[in-house]
Amino acid sequence: MISVRNLILASIGLAYLGVGYVATTVPHPPLVTVLIGFVPLGAAALAAAWKSRARVPLLLLTLACMLLMAVFVNQLRDHVAWVYFVQHAGAMTLLGLTFGATLGGRHGEALCSRIATVVIRSPLDDRYLRYTWQVTLAWTIYFATSAVLSVLLFFFGPITAWSVLANVLTPITLGLMFVAEYFIRRRVLPDGPEVSIAATITAYRAFTNRTDTP
């Protein structure tokens, strides 16, 4: 059953994607779409500054940058597509590097293997860890492909095509990746631990929150 919290988060996410599509496809987007576009970047910058050892100077620098963007917000309106592009291509690239960087060691060190240990308390055998390594590889390829397509469409294709990729196809294919992985796992590892799609997503959040804690 979908919780109220997850339903609210999903609604906010869909609204943001809708705003992103409007902001990147109309010649002179509404001012509110520009401001909303800066929310994820601003939040990420503030969070990174807060966790840094140089907290005070980085927070001041971040706030100064935000103030500067607010002053020139009308000029930024005609280039707001860049804001959404940096977020999409940057996120895909960062996720691809995050997953791919864990593929060089043992199967148990792959990111999906480590996430599996969060949700599955019992020891995982070599077969299961080999599978989660392959899942990590699949996610790496997915994110790398998404990043390349984002760059190619933004610079060499119509902006509408890029916006469809970023705001429509990306959330759909992300969902399909989770669904496909679940059914493939049940077929390849029928005797393995039962882990739902929701539990997988929750485990990933718990894992990232744990690793981000100083």
N, C-alpha and C. Protein backbone atom coordinates (compact mmCIF):
# COMPACT_ATOMS: atom_id res chain seq x y z
N MET A 1 0.84 -1.19 0.00
CA MET A 1 0.00 0.00 0.00
C MET A 1 0.89 1.26 0.00
N ILE A 2 0.55 2.23 -0.82
CA ILE A 2 1.34 3.45 -0.94
C ILE A 2 1.02 4.37 0.24
N SER A 3 2.06 4.80 0.94
CA SER A 3 1.86 5.69 2.08
C SER A 3 1.54 7.09 1.61
N VAL A 4 0.97 7.88 2.52
CA VAL A 4 0.63 9.27 2.20
C VAL A 4 1.91 10.05 1.88
N ARG A 5 2.97 9.77 2.62
CA ARG A 5 4.25 10.47 2.39
C ARG A 5 4.76 10.20 0.98
N ASN A 6 4.76 8.93 0.56
CA ASN A 6 5.25 8.60 -0.77
C ASN A 6 4.35 9.18 -1.85
N LEU A 7 3.05 9.23 -1.57
CA LEU A 7 2.12 9.80 -2.54
C LEU A 7 2.38 11.30 -2.71
N ILE A 8 2.66 11.98 -1.60
CA ILE A 8 2.97 13.41 -1.67
C ILE A 8 4.26 13.65 -2.43
N LEU A 9 5.28 12.82 -2.13
CA LEU A 9 6.57 12.96 -2.82
C LEU A 9 6.43 12.71 -4.32
N ALA A 10 5.62 11.72 -4.67
CA ALA A 10 5.40 11.41 -6.08
C ALA A 10 4.68 12.56 -6.78
N SER A 11 3.72 13.15 -6.08
CA SER A 11 2.98 14.27 -6.66
C SER A 11 3.89 15.48 -6.88
N ILE A 12 4.77 15.74 -5.90
CA ILE A 12 5.72 16.84 -6.03
C ILE A 12 6.67 16.58 -7.20
N GLY A 13 7.12 15.34 -7.31
CA GLY A 13 8.02 14.98 -8.40
C GLY A 13 7.37 15.17 -9.77
N LEU A 14 6.12 14.73 -9.89
CA LEU A 14 5.41 14.90 -11.16
C LEU A 14 5.19 16.37 -11.48
N ALA A 15 4.86 17.15 -10.45
CA ALA A 15 4.65 18.58 -10.67
C ALA A 15 5.95 19.24 -11.13
N TYR A 16 7.06 18.84 -10.54
CA TYR A 16 8.35 19.41 -10.93
C TYR A 16 8.69 19.06 -12.38
N LEU A 17 8.41 17.83 -12.77
CA LEU A 17 8.67 17.42 -14.15
C LEU A 17 7.80 18.22 -15.12
N GLY A 18 6.55 18.46 -14.73
CA GLY A 18 5.67 19.27 -15.57
C GLY A 18 6.17 20.69 -15.72
N VAL A 19 6.64 21.26 -14.61
CA VAL A 19 7.19 22.61 -14.65
C VAL A 19 8.44 22.64 -15.53
N GLY A 20 9.27 21.59 -15.40
CA GLY A 20 10.48 21.52 -16.20
C GLY A 20 10.19 21.45 -17.68
N TYR A 21 9.15 20.73 -18.05
CA TYR A 21 8.79 20.63 -19.47
C TYR A 21 8.35 21.99 -20.00
N VAL A 22 7.52 22.69 -19.23
CA VAL A 22 7.06 24.01 -19.66
C VAL A 22 8.24 24.98 -19.76
N ALA A 23 9.11 24.97 -18.75
CA ALA A 23 10.22 25.92 -18.70
C ALA A 23 11.19 25.74 -19.85
N THR A 24 11.34 24.52 -20.33
CA THR A 24 12.35 24.27 -21.36
C THR A 24 11.80 24.25 -22.78
N THR A 25 10.49 24.37 -22.93
CA THR A 25 9.93 24.27 -24.28
C THR A 25 9.25 25.55 -24.76
N VAL A 26 9.02 26.50 -23.88
CA VAL A 26 8.40 27.76 -24.31
C VAL A 26 9.49 28.83 -24.43
N PRO A 27 9.33 29.77 -25.35
CA PRO A 27 10.38 30.79 -25.59
C PRO A 27 10.68 31.66 -24.37
N HIS A 28 9.66 32.09 -23.66
CA HIS A 28 9.85 32.98 -22.50
C HIS A 28 9.05 32.41 -21.33
N PRO A 29 9.62 31.46 -20.61
CA PRO A 29 8.86 30.75 -19.57
C PRO A 29 8.46 31.66 -18.42
N PRO A 30 7.41 31.29 -17.71
CA PRO A 30 7.00 32.07 -16.54
C PRO A 30 8.12 32.13 -15.50
N LEU A 31 8.15 33.22 -14.78
CA LEU A 31 9.21 33.43 -13.80
C LEU A 31 9.22 32.33 -12.75
N VAL A 32 8.06 31.83 -12.38
CA VAL A 32 7.98 30.81 -11.34
C VAL A 32 8.70 29.54 -11.75
N THR A 33 8.68 29.22 -13.06
CA THR A 33 9.37 28.01 -13.52
C THR A 33 10.88 28.16 -13.38
N VAL A 34 11.37 29.39 -13.51
CA VAL A 34 12.80 29.64 -13.33
C VAL A 34 13.18 29.43 -11.87
N LEU A 35 12.38 29.98 -10.98
CA LEU A 35 12.65 29.86 -9.55
C LEU A 35 12.59 28.41 -9.09
N ILE A 36 11.59 27.68 -9.56
CA ILE A 36 11.46 26.28 -9.18
C ILE A 36 12.64 25.47 -9.69
N GLY A 37 13.14 25.83 -10.87
CA GLY A 37 14.27 25.10 -11.44
C GLY A 37 15.52 25.18 -10.59
N PHE A 38 15.66 26.26 -9.82
CA PHE A 38 16.84 26.43 -8.98
C PHE A 38 16.71 25.74 -7.62
N VAL A 39 15.53 25.27 -7.28
CA VAL A 39 15.32 24.67 -5.96
C VAL A 39 16.22 23.45 -5.72
N PRO A 40 16.25 22.44 -6.63
CA PRO A 40 17.11 21.28 -6.36
C PRO A 40 18.59 21.64 -6.28
N LEU A 41 19.05 22.52 -7.20
CA LEU A 41 20.45 22.92 -7.16
C LEU A 41 20.78 23.67 -5.87
N GLY A 42 19.88 24.57 -5.48
CA GLY A 42 20.11 25.32 -4.26
C GLY A 42 20.10 24.44 -3.03
N ALA A 43 19.16 23.51 -2.99
CA ALA A 43 19.07 22.60 -1.84
C ALA A 43 20.31 21.71 -1.75
N ALA A 44 20.76 21.21 -2.90
CA ALA A 44 21.95 20.35 -2.90
C ALA A 44 23.19 21.13 -2.48
N ALA A 45 23.30 22.37 -2.96
CA ALA A 45 24.46 23.19 -2.60
C ALA A 45 24.46 23.51 -1.11
N LEU A 46 23.30 23.85 -0.56
CA LEU A 46 23.20 24.14 0.86
C LEU A 46 23.52 22.92 1.71
N ALA A 47 23.01 21.76 1.28
CA ALA A 47 23.28 20.52 2.03
C ALA A 47 24.76 20.18 2.01
N ALA A 48 25.39 20.32 0.83
CA ALA A 48 26.82 20.03 0.74
C ALA A 48 27.64 21.00 1.58
N ALA A 49 27.26 22.26 1.56
CA ALA A 49 27.97 23.26 2.36
C ALA A 49 27.81 22.98 3.86
N TRP A 50 26.61 22.58 4.26
CA TRP A 50 26.34 22.31 5.67
C TRP A 50 27.16 21.13 6.19
N LYS A 51 27.37 20.13 5.33
CA LYS A 51 28.12 18.95 5.74
C LYS A 51 29.63 19.14 5.64
N SER A 52 30.05 20.20 4.98
CA SER A 52 31.48 20.45 4.78
C SER A 52 32.13 20.94 6.07
N ARG A 53 33.44 20.72 6.17
CA ARG A 53 34.17 21.23 7.33
C ARG A 53 34.26 22.75 7.28
N ALA A 54 34.29 23.29 6.06
CA ALA A 54 34.30 24.75 5.89
C ALA A 54 32.86 25.26 5.77
N ARG A 55 32.05 24.94 6.76
CA ARG A 55 30.61 25.18 6.68
C ARG A 55 30.27 26.65 6.50
N VAL A 56 30.81 27.51 7.33
CA VAL A 56 30.42 28.93 7.30
C VAL A 56 30.80 29.60 5.98
N PRO A 57 32.05 29.53 5.52
CA PRO A 57 32.37 30.20 4.25
C PRO A 57 31.61 29.64 3.06
N LEU A 58 31.40 28.32 3.03
CA LEU A 58 30.68 27.73 1.90
C LEU A 58 29.20 28.11 1.93
N LEU A 59 28.64 28.19 3.12
CA LEU A 59 27.25 28.63 3.22
C LEU A 59 27.11 30.08 2.75
N LEU A 60 28.05 30.91 3.14
CA LEU A 60 28.01 32.31 2.70
C LEU A 60 28.18 32.41 1.19
N LEU A 61 29.08 31.60 0.64
CA LEU A 61 29.29 31.61 -0.81
C LEU A 61 28.04 31.14 -1.54
N THR A 62 27.41 30.09 -1.02
CA THR A 62 26.19 29.57 -1.65
C THR A 62 25.08 30.61 -1.61
N LEU A 63 24.91 31.24 -0.47
CA LEU A 63 23.87 32.27 -0.34
C LEU A 63 24.16 33.46 -1.25
N ALA A 64 25.44 33.81 -1.40
CA ALA A 64 25.81 34.91 -2.29
C ALA A 64 25.46 34.57 -3.74
N CYS A 65 25.73 33.32 -4.13
CA CYS A 65 25.39 32.89 -5.49
C CYS A 65 23.89 32.90 -5.72
N MET A 66 23.14 32.46 -4.72
CA MET A 66 21.68 32.47 -4.83
C MET A 66 21.15 33.90 -4.94
N LEU A 67 21.75 34.80 -4.18
CA LEU A 67 21.34 36.21 -4.25
C LEU A 67 21.66 36.80 -5.62
N LEU A 68 22.82 36.44 -6.16
CA LEU A 68 23.22 36.92 -7.49
C LEU A 68 22.25 36.43 -8.56
N MET A 69 21.85 35.17 -8.46
CA MET A 69 20.90 34.63 -9.43
C MET A 69 19.54 35.29 -9.30
N ALA A 70 19.17 35.64 -8.06
CA ALA A 70 17.89 36.32 -7.86
C ALA A 70 17.90 37.71 -8.50
N VAL A 71 19.05 38.38 -8.42
CA VAL A 71 19.16 39.72 -9.02
C VAL A 71 19.02 39.66 -10.53
N PHE A 72 19.61 38.61 -11.15
CA PHE A 72 19.61 38.50 -12.60
C PHE A 72 18.59 37.46 -13.10
N VAL A 73 17.54 37.24 -12.32
CA VAL A 73 16.58 36.20 -12.65
C VAL A 73 15.90 36.45 -13.99
N ASN A 74 15.64 37.69 -14.34
CA ASN A 74 15.00 37.98 -15.62
C ASN A 74 15.90 37.63 -16.80
N GLN A 75 17.20 37.85 -16.65
CA GLN A 75 18.13 37.46 -17.69
C GLN A 75 18.26 35.95 -17.80
N LEU A 76 18.16 35.29 -16.65
CA LEU A 76 18.27 33.83 -16.64
C LEU A 76 17.04 33.17 -17.24
N ARG A 77 15.93 33.88 -17.29
CA ARG A 77 14.69 33.30 -17.77
C ARG A 77 14.83 32.75 -19.19
N ASP A 78 15.57 33.45 -20.04
CA ASP A 78 15.72 33.03 -21.42
C ASP A 78 16.72 31.88 -21.57
N HIS A 79 17.40 31.52 -20.49
CA HIS A 79 18.38 30.43 -20.55
C HIS A 79 18.09 29.37 -19.48
N VAL A 80 16.85 29.30 -19.04
CA VAL A 80 16.51 28.39 -17.94
C VAL A 80 16.67 26.92 -18.33
N ALA A 81 16.61 26.63 -19.62
CA ALA A 81 16.79 25.25 -20.06
C ALA A 81 18.14 24.70 -19.60
N TRP A 82 19.14 25.57 -19.52
CA TRP A 82 20.46 25.14 -19.05
C TRP A 82 20.41 24.64 -17.61
N VAL A 83 19.57 25.28 -16.80
CA VAL A 83 19.45 24.86 -15.40
C VAL A 83 18.93 23.43 -15.31
N TYR A 84 17.89 23.15 -16.05
CA TYR A 84 17.30 21.81 -16.03
C TYR A 84 18.23 20.80 -16.69
N PHE A 85 18.96 21.23 -17.73
CA PHE A 85 19.91 20.33 -18.39
C PHE A 85 21.04 19.93 -17.44
N VAL A 86 21.60 20.90 -16.74
CA VAL A 86 22.69 20.61 -15.81
C VAL A 86 22.23 19.64 -14.73
N GLN A 87 21.00 19.81 -14.26
CA GLN A 87 20.48 18.91 -13.23
C GLN A 87 20.30 17.50 -13.77
N HIS A 88 19.72 17.37 -14.98
CA HIS A 88 19.45 16.04 -15.52
C HIS A 88 20.75 15.34 -15.91
N ALA A 89 21.54 15.98 -16.76
CA ALA A 89 22.78 15.35 -17.21
C ALA A 89 23.75 15.14 -16.04
N GLY A 90 23.78 16.11 -15.13
CA GLY A 90 24.66 15.98 -13.96
C GLY A 90 24.26 14.83 -13.07
N ALA A 91 22.95 14.69 -12.83
CA ALA A 91 22.47 13.60 -11.98
C ALA A 91 22.75 12.24 -12.61
N MET A 92 22.50 12.13 -13.92
CA MET A 92 22.75 10.86 -14.60
C MET A 92 24.24 10.50 -14.57
N THR A 93 25.08 11.51 -14.78
CA THR A 93 26.52 11.27 -14.77
C THR A 93 27.00 10.87 -13.38
N LEU A 94 26.55 11.60 -12.37
CA LEU A 94 26.96 11.31 -11.00
C LEU A 94 26.51 9.92 -10.57
N LEU A 95 25.28 9.55 -10.89
CA LEU A 95 24.78 8.22 -10.53
C LEU A 95 25.54 7.13 -11.28
N GLY A 96 25.83 7.37 -12.56
CA GLY A 96 26.60 6.40 -13.31
C GLY A 96 27.98 6.17 -12.72
N LEU A 97 28.64 7.26 -12.32
CA LEU A 97 29.95 7.14 -11.70
C LEU A 97 29.86 6.46 -10.33
N THR A 98 28.80 6.78 -9.58
CA THR A 98 28.63 6.19 -8.25
C THR A 98 28.47 4.68 -8.34
N PHE A 99 27.64 4.22 -9.27
CA PHE A 99 27.45 2.78 -9.44
C PHE A 99 28.67 2.13 -10.08
N GLY A 100 29.19 2.77 -11.14
CA GLY A 100 30.30 2.17 -11.87
C GLY A 100 31.57 2.06 -11.06
N ALA A 101 31.80 2.98 -10.14
CA ALA A 101 33.02 2.97 -9.35
C ALA A 101 33.13 1.77 -8.43
N THR A 102 32.01 1.07 -8.20
CA THR A 102 32.01 -0.08 -7.28
C THR A 102 32.11 -1.41 -8.01
N LEU A 103 32.31 -1.38 -9.33
CA LEU A 103 32.31 -2.62 -10.11
C LEU A 103 33.68 -3.30 -10.17
N GLY A 104 34.74 -2.59 -9.80
CA GLY A 104 36.08 -3.12 -10.00
C GLY A 104 36.53 -4.14 -8.98
N GLY A 105 35.88 -4.20 -7.86
CA GLY A 105 36.30 -5.13 -6.80
C GLY A 105 35.53 -6.43 -6.82
N ARG A 106 35.38 -7.01 -5.67
CA ARG A 106 34.62 -8.26 -5.54
C ARG A 106 33.14 -8.01 -5.73
N HIS A 107 32.41 -9.08 -6.02
CA HIS A 107 30.96 -8.94 -6.26
C HIS A 107 30.26 -8.32 -5.07
N GLY A 108 30.71 -8.65 -3.88
CA GLY A 108 30.07 -8.13 -2.68
C GLY A 108 30.29 -6.65 -2.45
N GLU A 109 31.25 -6.05 -3.18
CA GLU A 109 31.53 -4.63 -3.01
C GLU A 109 30.74 -3.75 -3.97
N ALA A 110 30.05 -4.37 -4.93
CA ALA A 110 29.24 -3.58 -5.87
C ALA A 110 28.12 -2.87 -5.11
N LEU A 111 27.72 -1.72 -5.61
CA LEU A 111 26.76 -0.89 -4.88
C LEU A 111 25.46 -1.63 -4.60
N CYS A 112 24.92 -2.32 -5.59
CA CYS A 112 23.65 -3.05 -5.37
C CYS A 112 23.83 -4.19 -4.39
N SER A 113 25.03 -4.79 -4.34
CA SER A 113 25.30 -5.83 -3.36
C SER A 113 25.29 -5.25 -1.95
N ARG A 114 25.89 -4.08 -1.81
CA ARG A 114 25.92 -3.44 -0.50
C ARG A 114 24.54 -2.96 -0.08
N ILE A 115 23.74 -2.51 -1.04
CA ILE A 115 22.37 -2.11 -0.72
C ILE A 115 21.56 -3.33 -0.29
N ALA A 116 21.81 -4.47 -0.95
CA ALA A 116 21.07 -5.69 -0.61
C ALA A 116 21.31 -6.10 0.84
N THR A 117 22.52 -5.85 1.34
CA THR A 117 22.80 -6.22 2.72
C THR A 117 22.03 -5.37 3.72
N VAL A 118 21.55 -4.20 3.27
CA VAL A 118 20.76 -3.34 4.15
C VAL A 118 19.38 -3.92 4.38
N VAL A 119 18.78 -4.47 3.32
CA VAL A 119 17.41 -4.96 3.40
C VAL A 119 17.34 -6.45 3.72
N ILE A 120 18.42 -7.19 3.40
CA ILE A 120 18.44 -8.63 3.66
C ILE A 120 19.42 -8.89 4.80
N ARG A 121 18.92 -9.30 5.92
CA ARG A 121 19.77 -9.48 7.09
C ARG A 121 20.59 -10.77 7.06
N SER A 122 20.10 -11.79 6.36
CA SER A 122 20.82 -13.05 6.29
C SER A 122 22.00 -12.94 5.33
N PRO A 123 23.06 -13.74 5.52
CA PRO A 123 24.22 -13.69 4.62
C PRO A 123 23.83 -14.03 3.18
N LEU A 124 24.44 -13.35 2.22
CA LEU A 124 24.15 -13.56 0.82
C LEU A 124 25.21 -14.47 0.21
N ASP A 125 24.77 -15.48 -0.55
CA ASP A 125 25.73 -16.40 -1.16
C ASP A 125 26.35 -15.80 -2.41
N ASP A 126 27.33 -16.53 -2.97
CA ASP A 126 28.07 -16.02 -4.12
C ASP A 126 27.17 -15.82 -5.33
N ARG A 127 26.19 -16.68 -5.50
CA ARG A 127 25.29 -16.55 -6.65
C ARG A 127 24.49 -15.26 -6.57
N TYR A 128 24.00 -14.96 -5.39
CA TYR A 128 23.20 -13.74 -5.21
C TYR A 128 24.08 -12.50 -5.40
N LEU A 129 25.29 -12.54 -4.87
CA LEU A 129 26.18 -11.40 -5.01
C LEU A 129 26.62 -11.20 -6.46
N ARG A 130 26.77 -12.29 -7.19
CA ARG A 130 27.10 -12.17 -8.61
C ARG A 130 25.95 -11.51 -9.36
N TYR A 131 24.73 -11.84 -8.96
CA TYR A 131 23.57 -11.22 -9.59
C TYR A 131 23.50 -9.73 -9.27
N THR A 132 23.71 -9.36 -8.01
CA THR A 132 23.63 -7.94 -7.64
C THR A 132 24.77 -7.14 -8.28
N TRP A 133 25.91 -7.80 -8.55
CA TRP A 133 26.97 -7.13 -9.30
C TRP A 133 26.49 -6.82 -10.72
N GLN A 134 25.80 -7.79 -11.32
CA GLN A 134 25.27 -7.59 -12.67
C GLN A 134 24.21 -6.49 -12.69
N VAL A 135 23.41 -6.41 -11.63
CA VAL A 135 22.41 -5.34 -11.53
C VAL A 135 23.12 -3.98 -11.45
N THR A 136 24.20 -3.91 -10.68
CA THR A 136 24.97 -2.67 -10.60
C THR A 136 25.50 -2.27 -11.97
N LEU A 137 25.97 -3.25 -12.73
CA LEU A 137 26.45 -2.98 -14.09
C LEU A 137 25.32 -2.46 -14.97
N ALA A 138 24.14 -3.06 -14.85
CA ALA A 138 22.99 -2.63 -15.65
C ALA A 138 22.61 -1.19 -15.33
N TRP A 139 22.61 -0.82 -14.05
CA TRP A 139 22.29 0.56 -13.67
C TRP A 139 23.37 1.52 -14.16
N THR A 140 24.62 1.09 -14.12
CA THR A 140 25.70 1.93 -14.63
C THR A 140 25.51 2.23 -16.11
N ILE A 141 25.19 1.20 -16.88
CA ILE A 141 24.95 1.38 -18.32
C ILE A 141 23.75 2.28 -18.55
N TYR A 142 22.70 2.08 -17.76
CA TYR A 142 21.50 2.90 -17.91
C TYR A 142 21.81 4.39 -17.68
N PHE A 143 22.48 4.69 -16.58
CA PHE A 143 22.77 6.08 -16.26
C PHE A 143 23.74 6.69 -17.26
N ALA A 144 24.73 5.93 -17.69
CA ALA A 144 25.68 6.44 -18.68
C ALA A 144 24.98 6.73 -20.00
N THR A 145 24.11 5.83 -20.42
CA THR A 145 23.35 6.04 -21.66
C THR A 145 22.45 7.27 -21.55
N SER A 146 21.80 7.42 -20.40
CA SER A 146 20.93 8.57 -20.19
C SER A 146 21.71 9.87 -20.25
N ALA A 147 22.89 9.89 -19.65
CA ALA A 147 23.72 11.10 -19.65
C ALA A 147 24.15 11.46 -21.07
N VAL A 148 24.58 10.46 -21.85
CA VAL A 148 25.02 10.70 -23.22
C VAL A 148 23.86 11.20 -24.08
N LEU A 149 22.71 10.56 -23.95
CA LEU A 149 21.54 11.00 -24.71
C LEU A 149 21.13 12.42 -24.33
N SER A 150 21.22 12.73 -23.04
CA SER A 150 20.86 14.07 -22.58
C SER A 150 21.74 15.12 -23.24
N VAL A 151 23.04 14.86 -23.28
CA VAL A 151 23.98 15.81 -23.88
C VAL A 151 23.74 15.94 -25.38
N LEU A 152 23.59 14.80 -26.06
CA LEU A 152 23.41 14.82 -27.51
C LEU A 152 22.13 15.55 -27.92
N LEU A 153 21.03 15.25 -27.23
CA LEU A 153 19.77 15.88 -27.58
C LEU A 153 19.77 17.37 -27.24
N PHE A 154 20.39 17.73 -26.13
CA PHE A 154 20.38 19.14 -25.74
C PHE A 154 21.18 20.00 -26.72
N PHE A 155 22.31 19.50 -27.17
CA PHE A 155 23.18 20.31 -28.02
C PHE A 155 22.91 20.13 -29.52
N PHE A 156 22.40 18.95 -29.91
CA PHE A 156 22.27 18.67 -31.34
C PHE A 156 20.84 18.37 -31.79
N GLY A 157 19.91 18.32 -30.87
CA GLY A 157 18.53 18.02 -31.24
C GLY A 157 17.60 19.15 -30.83
N PRO A 158 16.34 19.03 -31.17
CA PRO A 158 15.36 20.04 -30.74
C PRO A 158 15.18 19.99 -29.23
N ILE A 159 15.00 21.15 -28.62
CA ILE A 159 14.87 21.22 -27.17
C ILE A 159 13.66 20.45 -26.68
N THR A 160 12.64 20.36 -27.54
CA THR A 160 11.45 19.59 -27.15
C THR A 160 11.78 18.12 -26.96
N ALA A 161 12.64 17.58 -27.84
CA ALA A 161 13.03 16.17 -27.72
C ALA A 161 13.81 15.95 -26.43
N TRP A 162 14.72 16.89 -26.11
CA TRP A 162 15.46 16.74 -24.86
C TRP A 162 14.52 16.81 -23.67
N SER A 163 13.55 17.72 -23.70
CA SER A 163 12.63 17.88 -22.58
C SER A 163 11.79 16.62 -22.38
N VAL A 164 11.39 16.00 -23.47
CA VAL A 164 10.64 14.74 -23.36
C VAL A 164 11.51 13.67 -22.71
N LEU A 165 12.78 13.61 -23.11
CA LEU A 165 13.69 12.65 -22.50
C LEU A 165 13.82 12.89 -21.00
N ALA A 166 14.07 14.14 -20.62
CA ALA A 166 14.35 14.46 -19.22
C ALA A 166 13.12 14.39 -18.33
N ASN A 167 11.99 14.86 -18.84
CA ASN A 167 10.81 15.02 -18.00
C ASN A 167 9.75 13.93 -18.16
N VAL A 168 9.84 13.15 -19.24
CA VAL A 168 8.85 12.10 -19.47
C VAL A 168 9.49 10.72 -19.49
N LEU A 169 10.47 10.54 -20.37
CA LEU A 169 11.06 9.21 -20.55
C LEU A 169 11.92 8.78 -19.36
N THR A 170 12.63 9.71 -18.75
CA THR A 170 13.51 9.32 -17.64
C THR A 170 12.73 8.72 -16.47
N PRO A 171 11.68 9.37 -15.95
CA PRO A 171 10.94 8.74 -14.84
C PRO A 171 10.28 7.43 -15.24
N ILE A 172 9.81 7.34 -16.50
CA ILE A 172 9.17 6.11 -16.96
C ILE A 172 10.19 4.97 -17.02
N THR A 173 11.35 5.23 -17.63
CA THR A 173 12.36 4.18 -17.75
C THR A 173 12.97 3.81 -16.40
N LEU A 174 13.06 4.77 -15.49
CA LEU A 174 13.52 4.45 -14.15
C LEU A 174 12.58 3.44 -13.48
N GLY A 175 11.29 3.73 -13.59
CA GLY A 175 10.30 2.81 -13.03
C GLY A 175 10.37 1.44 -13.68
N LEU A 176 10.52 1.42 -15.01
CA LEU A 176 10.61 0.16 -15.73
C LEU A 176 11.85 -0.63 -15.32
N MET A 177 12.96 0.07 -15.04
CA MET A 177 14.17 -0.61 -14.59
C MET A 177 13.93 -1.35 -13.27
N PHE A 178 13.25 -0.70 -12.33
CA PHE A 178 12.97 -1.34 -11.05
C PHE A 178 12.04 -2.54 -11.24
N VAL A 179 11.01 -2.36 -12.06
CA VAL A 179 10.06 -3.45 -12.28
C VAL A 179 10.73 -4.62 -12.98
N ALA A 180 11.50 -4.32 -14.03
CA ALA A 180 12.18 -5.38 -14.78
C ALA A 180 13.16 -6.13 -13.89
N GLU A 181 13.91 -5.39 -13.06
CA GLU A 181 14.87 -6.05 -12.17
C GLU A 181 14.18 -6.98 -11.20
N TYR A 182 13.01 -6.58 -10.70
CA TYR A 182 12.29 -7.41 -9.74
C TYR A 182 11.88 -8.75 -10.38
N PHE A 183 11.29 -8.68 -11.57
CA PHE A 183 10.83 -9.92 -12.21
C PHE A 183 11.99 -10.78 -12.70
N ILE A 184 13.06 -10.15 -13.15
CA ILE A 184 14.24 -10.93 -13.54
C ILE A 184 14.83 -11.64 -12.33
N ARG A 185 14.88 -10.94 -11.19
CA ARG A 185 15.41 -11.55 -9.98
C ARG A 185 14.59 -12.74 -9.54
N ARG A 186 13.26 -12.61 -9.64
CA ARG A 186 12.40 -13.72 -9.24
C ARG A 186 12.57 -14.92 -10.17
N ARG A 187 12.95 -14.66 -11.43
CA ARG A 187 13.15 -15.75 -12.37
C ARG A 187 14.54 -16.38 -12.23
N VAL A 188 15.54 -15.53 -12.06
CA VAL A 188 16.92 -16.01 -11.97
C VAL A 188 17.22 -16.61 -10.60
N LEU A 189 16.64 -16.00 -9.55
CA LEU A 189 16.87 -16.47 -8.18
C LEU A 189 15.54 -16.78 -7.51
N PRO A 190 14.85 -17.82 -7.97
CA PRO A 190 13.52 -18.11 -7.43
C PRO A 190 13.53 -18.49 -5.95
N ASP A 191 14.66 -18.99 -5.47
CA ASP A 191 14.76 -19.39 -4.06
C ASP A 191 15.41 -18.32 -3.20
N GLY A 192 15.71 -17.17 -3.81
CA GLY A 192 16.38 -16.10 -3.07
C GLY A 192 15.42 -15.36 -2.15
N PRO A 193 15.94 -14.49 -1.31
CA PRO A 193 15.10 -13.71 -0.40
C PRO A 193 14.10 -12.86 -1.17
N GLU A 194 12.89 -12.77 -0.68
CA GLU A 194 11.83 -11.97 -1.32
C GLU A 194 12.00 -10.51 -0.91
N VAL A 195 12.29 -9.66 -1.89
CA VAL A 195 12.47 -8.24 -1.64
C VAL A 195 11.60 -7.49 -2.65
N SER A 196 10.66 -6.70 -2.15
CA SER A 196 9.77 -5.96 -3.03
C SER A 196 10.47 -4.76 -3.65
N ILE A 197 9.83 -4.16 -4.66
CA ILE A 197 10.37 -2.96 -5.30
C ILE A 197 10.45 -1.82 -4.29
N ALA A 198 9.39 -1.66 -3.50
CA ALA A 198 9.37 -0.59 -2.50
C ALA A 198 10.49 -0.78 -1.49
N ALA A 199 10.73 -2.03 -1.07
CA ALA A 199 11.79 -2.30 -0.10
C ALA A 199 13.16 -2.00 -0.70
N THR A 200 13.32 -2.26 -1.99
CA THR A 200 14.58 -1.96 -2.66
C THR A 200 14.86 -0.47 -2.66
N ILE A 201 13.84 0.33 -2.99
CA ILE A 201 13.99 1.78 -3.01
C ILE A 201 14.26 2.31 -1.61
N THR A 202 13.55 1.79 -0.61
CA THR A 202 13.76 2.21 0.77
C THR A 202 15.17 1.87 1.24
N ALA A 203 15.65 0.68 0.84
CA ALA A 203 17.00 0.26 1.23
C ALA A 203 18.05 1.17 0.61
N TYR A 204 17.82 1.58 -0.63
CA TYR A 204 18.77 2.48 -1.28
C TYR A 204 18.83 3.82 -0.54
N ARG A 205 17.67 4.34 -0.16
CA ARG A 205 17.64 5.60 0.59
C ARG A 205 18.35 5.45 1.92
N ALA A 206 18.09 4.34 2.62
CA ALA A 206 18.72 4.11 3.92
C ALA A 206 20.23 3.98 3.77
N PHE A 207 20.67 3.33 2.69
CA PHE A 207 22.10 3.14 2.47
C PHE A 207 22.79 4.46 2.19
N THR A 208 22.19 5.29 1.32
CA THR A 208 22.80 6.57 0.98
C THR A 208 22.81 7.51 2.18
N ASN A 209 21.76 7.47 2.99
CA ASN A 209 21.72 8.32 4.19
C ASN A 209 22.79 7.90 5.17
N ARG A 210 23.02 6.58 5.26
CA ARG A 210 24.03 6.08 6.19
C ARG A 210 25.44 6.44 5.74
N THR A 211 25.71 6.36 4.45
CA THR A 211 27.04 6.65 3.94
C THR A 211 27.31 8.14 3.90
N ASP A 212 26.26 8.97 3.87
CA ASP A 212 26.47 10.41 3.83
C ASP A 212 26.70 11.00 5.21
N THR A 213 26.43 10.22 6.23
CA THR A 213 26.58 10.74 7.59
C THR A 213 28.05 10.83 7.97
N PRO A 214 28.54 12.01 8.41
CA PRO A 214 29.94 12.16 8.75
C PRO A 214 30.32 11.23 9.91
